[in-house]
């Protein structure tokens, strides 16, 4: 006597397709995360800043309190009057 033909599970192809789709979505999500991180951080070392003691052009000088004109030393005598 021969065995009856075996019935195939028709839902297995759907599970396989869903697993492949989930794996693809995970890889795409990871690639997007890496791309976002790469865009968020600078590449390589930062450019060197010009020395603060030399004359720099206005475009290259950093903006801040230290980039203004040099300050004068305080007067020698109290009250701002010159010493005699």
C-alpha atoms as a PDB file:
ATOM      1  CA  UNK A   1       0.000   0.000   0.000  1.00  0.00           C
ATOM      2  CA  UNK A   2       1.332   3.449  -0.850  1.00  0.00           C
ATOM      3  CA  UNK A   3       1.241   6.435   1.447  1.00  0.00           C
ATOM      4  CA  UNK A   4      -1.092   9.280   0.561  1.00  0.00           C
ATOM      5  CA  UNK A   5       0.582  12.385  -0.913  1.00  0.00           C
ATOM      6  CA  UNK A   6       1.878  14.700   1.748  1.00  0.00           C
ATOM      7  CA  UNK A   7       0.024  17.959   2.273  1.00  0.00           C
ATOM      8  CA  UNK A   8       2.318  21.006   2.221  1.00  0.00           C
ATOM      9  CA  UNK A   9       1.943  23.750   4.770  1.00  0.00           C
ATOM     10  CA  UNK A  10       0.729  26.684   2.692  1.00  0.00           C
ATOM     11  CA  UNK A  11       1.590  29.272   5.331  1.00  0.00           C
ATOM     12  CA  UNK A  12       5.325  28.527   5.334  1.00  0.00           C
ATOM     13  CA  UNK A  13       5.986  30.678   2.251  1.00  0.00           C
ATOM     14  CA  UNK A  14       4.269  33.626   3.938  1.00  0.00           C
ATOM     15  CA  UNK A  15       6.382  33.252   7.063  1.00  0.00           C
ATOM     16  CA  UNK A  16       9.538  33.040   4.961  1.00  0.00           C
ATOM     17  CA  UNK A  17       8.600  36.207   3.061  1.00  0.00           C
ATOM     18  CA  UNK A  18       7.845  38.053   6.303  1.00  0.00           C
ATOM     19  CA  UNK A  19      11.171  36.969   7.846  1.00  0.00           C
ATOM     20  CA  UNK A  20      13.072  38.156   4.766  1.00  0.00           C
ATOM     21  CA  UNK A  21      11.213  41.470   4.796  1.00  0.00           C
ATOM     22  CA  UNK A  22      11.941  41.991   8.510  1.00  0.00           C
ATOM     23  CA  UNK A  23      15.637  41.234   7.934  1.00  0.00           C
ATOM     24  CA  UNK A  24      15.754  43.717   5.052  1.00  0.00           C
ATOM     25  CA  UNK A  25      14.039  46.400   7.124  1.00  0.00           C
ATOM     26  CA  UNK A  26      16.511  45.855   9.971  1.00  0.00           C
ATOM     27  CA  UNK A  27      19.474  46.255   7.614  1.00  0.00           C
ATOM     28  CA  UNK A  28      17.966  49.404   6.058  1.00  0.00           C
ATOM     29  CA  UNK A  29      17.288  50.843   9.516  1.00  0.00           C
ATOM     30  CA  UNK A  30      20.884  50.164  10.566  1.00  0.00           C
ATOM     31  CA  UNK A  31      22.227  51.804   7.386  1.00  0.00           C
ATOM     32  CA  UNK A  32      20.073  54.895   7.969  1.00  0.00           C
ATOM     33  CA  UNK A  33      21.259  55.088  11.574  1.00  0.00           C
ATOM     34  CA  UNK A  34      24.911  54.913  10.473  1.00  0.00           C
ATOM     35  CA  UNK A  35      24.300  57.538   7.772  1.00  0.00           C
ATOM     36  CA  UNK A  36      22.719  59.891  10.313  1.00  0.00           C
ATOM     37  CA  UNK A  37      25.634  59.435  12.708  1.00  0.00           C
ATOM     38  CA  UNK A  38      28.120  60.060   9.896  1.00  0.00           C
ATOM     39  CA  UNK A  39      26.401  63.311   8.936  1.00  0.00           C
ATOM     40  CA  UNK A  40      26.171  64.469  12.549  1.00  0.00           C
ATOM     41  CA  UNK A  41      29.902  64.274  13.341  1.00  0.00           C
ATOM     42  CA  UNK A  42      32.722  66.041  11.509  1.00  0.00           C
ATOM     43  CA  UNK A  43      35.203  64.059   9.468  1.00  0.00           C
ATOM     44  CA  UNK A  44      38.853  64.109  10.504  1.00  0.00           C
ATOM     45  CA  UNK A  45      40.545  66.595  12.774  1.00  0.00           C
ATOM     46  CA  UNK A  46      39.191  70.125  13.156  1.00  0.00           C
ATOM     47  CA  UNK A  47      41.056  72.803  11.199  1.00  0.00           C
ATOM     48  CA  UNK A  48      43.826  74.523  13.185  1.00  0.00           C
ATOM     49  CA  UNK A  49      42.941  77.873  14.731  1.00  0.00           C
ATOM     50  CA  UNK A  50      45.148  80.850  14.014  1.00  0.00           C
ATOM     51  CA  UNK A  51      47.375  81.947  16.917  1.00  0.00           C
ATOM     52  CA  UNK A  52      45.755  84.612  19.106  1.00  0.00           C
ATOM     53  CA  UNK A  53      48.854  86.834  19.248  1.00  0.00           C
ATOM     54  CA  UNK A  54      49.097  87.489  15.497  1.00  0.00           C
ATOM     55  CA  UNK A  55      47.077  89.781  13.279  1.00  0.00           C
ATOM     56  CA  UNK A  56      44.317  87.820  11.611  1.00  0.00           C
ATOM     57  CA  UNK A  57      41.801  88.842   9.021  1.00  0.00           C
ATOM     58  CA  UNK A  58      38.293  89.607  10.178  1.00  0.00           C
ATOM     59  CA  UNK A  59      36.838  86.570   8.409  1.00  0.00           C
ATOM     60  CA  UNK A  60      39.256  84.086   9.988  1.00  0.00           C
ATOM     61  CA  UNK A  61      39.271  85.545  13.500  1.00  0.00           C
ATOM     62  CA  UNK A  62      37.040  83.747  16.002  1.00  0.00           C
ATOM     63  CA  UNK A  63      34.043  85.732  17.229  1.00  0.00           C
ATOM     64  CA  UNK A  64      34.013  86.177  20.989  1.00  0.00           C
ATOM     65  CA  UNK A  65      35.230  88.387  23.836  1.00  0.00           C
ATOM     66  CA  UNK A  66      38.886  87.517  23.196  1.00  0.00           C
ATOM     67  CA  UNK A  67      38.693  88.648  19.558  1.00  0.00           C
ATOM     68  CA  UNK A  68      38.204  92.362  20.391  1.00  0.00           C
ATOM     69  CA  UNK A  69      40.897  95.030  20.565  1.00  0.00           C
ATOM     70  CA  UNK A  70      43.651  94.557  23.171  1.00  0.00           C
ATOM     71  CA  UNK A  71      42.936  96.066  26.567  1.00  0.00           C
ATOM     72  CA  UNK A  72      45.072  98.770  28.135  1.00  0.00           C
ATOM     73  CA  UNK A  73      46.691  98.119  31.482  1.00  0.00           C
ATOM     74  CA  UNK A  74      45.087 100.001  34.402  1.00  0.00           C
ATOM     75  CA  UNK A  75      46.447 103.408  35.326  1.00  0.00           C
ATOM     76  CA  UNK A  76      49.370 103.429  37.759  1.00  0.00           C
ATOM     77  CA  UNK A  77      47.712 105.704  40.323  1.00  0.00           C
ATOM     78  CA  UNK A  78      44.406 105.246  42.074  1.00  0.00           C
ATOM     79  CA  UNK A  79      41.434 107.139  40.672  1.00  0.00           C
ATOM     80  CA  UNK A  80      42.608 107.016  37.060  1.00  0.00           C
ATOM     81  CA  UNK A  81      44.941 110.008  37.362  1.00  0.00           C
ATOM     82  CA  UNK A  82      48.455 109.762  35.909  1.00  0.00           C
ATOM     83  CA  UNK A  83      51.339 109.381  38.308  1.00  0.00           C
ATOM     84  CA  UNK A  84      53.428 112.510  38.948  1.00  0.00           C
END
